[in-house]
Amino acid sequence: MNKKKIGKLHPVIPNILYRNQVSLLGATPYAGKSRMCLRLAAQLAEGKETMFGRYAPMKVLYCSERDWDFTTTQFAEQGYTYIPDNLEFLCVPNIPKAAKAAFRLNPLAYVAKEMFVDEYKPDVTILDTIADFQNVTAQLKTADYGANRMSIMNIQQWAIEHYLAILALAHSPKENEHTRYRNPIQRVFGSISIVASTAAVFILEPIDPEKPDYLKFYQKSHLAKLEPVYRYFHADDYREVSQEEAESTHKGQPLTALTPREIDILEAIPITWSSYSDTVEAIKSKLELNDTNVFNYLKRLVNKSQIAIDHNPENPTSKLIRRFKPN
């Protein structure tokens, strides 16, 4: 009886991108995910330092929802005056009219037919965004759990068929009072289970939506079983910075814009990240409030940019809270 062989992973960028696998990058609208990935694509193509380290030059295919002129203009804004030899683009709006029907019917099959010729196979394939590379049936059901999960499964099957490492970009809903308290992974597709079969998940969000000078980058590798981490970058050149620098320009509303009760609650919240549940209990005890009162006041303080509530990287079922440092 033949023994079954145990499979192995094929990392292109360890903990980030693997052949036969899909990694997801979710971002709120206009957070800069395309610009970040265009820069990453060029750096990988030329073997330059990236936000994930430095690697030997590799072939990169960037599939864009934007037209050639827009995409390459964005690319030039990253400081490039030329397109590296190892970087190829497929721009959906520039697909010939006669081929549009074939693309809509099966986008991934079209990409393979048009781009994987003369033995060309990219080391890294970037799909910007995932919605444009679903088949026409899935595109009609973008809010449906089954369609989204099936799209990821189809992309992974395509990755296995062609031995690809894929980074798929997704629009994450803009943070609001209904989503800001969720685990950040849930903001990619609305469910943790939808992204559980991916190699890694990343979330890109501005520190301050009103002044997006700095970005917060959530990074979680599933295959490597590493703890999730937060990193911080300057929005202009994606230079990594400390959390303190990233939040240095974030100015909440002046205390005079807060009610006396809001000020009382704010003063009870630590400046450093602390247990959300413990902080709530302390506020309830000190100010004699119930759960609903505290929750509503915390929502107001979040909306007034006075505090932050976020996922606990060390325990996905719990949350952390802190007040922003005074400016």
Foldseek 3Di string as FASTA:
>chain_A
DDDDDDDDWADPQPLAWTFLFEEEEEEAPPLCPLLLVLVVQQCLQCQHAHPRGGDHHWAEEEEAQADPVVSVVSSVLLVDPDRRPRYHYHYLVPDDPVCNVVCQQAVLVVCCVVPCPPNDDTQEYEAHALLSGQHNVLVVVVLDLVSLLVSNVVVSVSSVVRRYIYYHYAYFHDDDLVPQQAAVCCRRNNDPVSCLRGQKYKYWYAPDPVDRQKIKIWIGGNVVPDQIDIWMAGSSNRHTDDPCVSLVPQDFDDPVVDDPVLVVLQVLFAQDKDFPVVSLVVCCVVVVDDPVVSSVSVSVCVVRQFKHKHADSVDRVTIIIHGHDHD
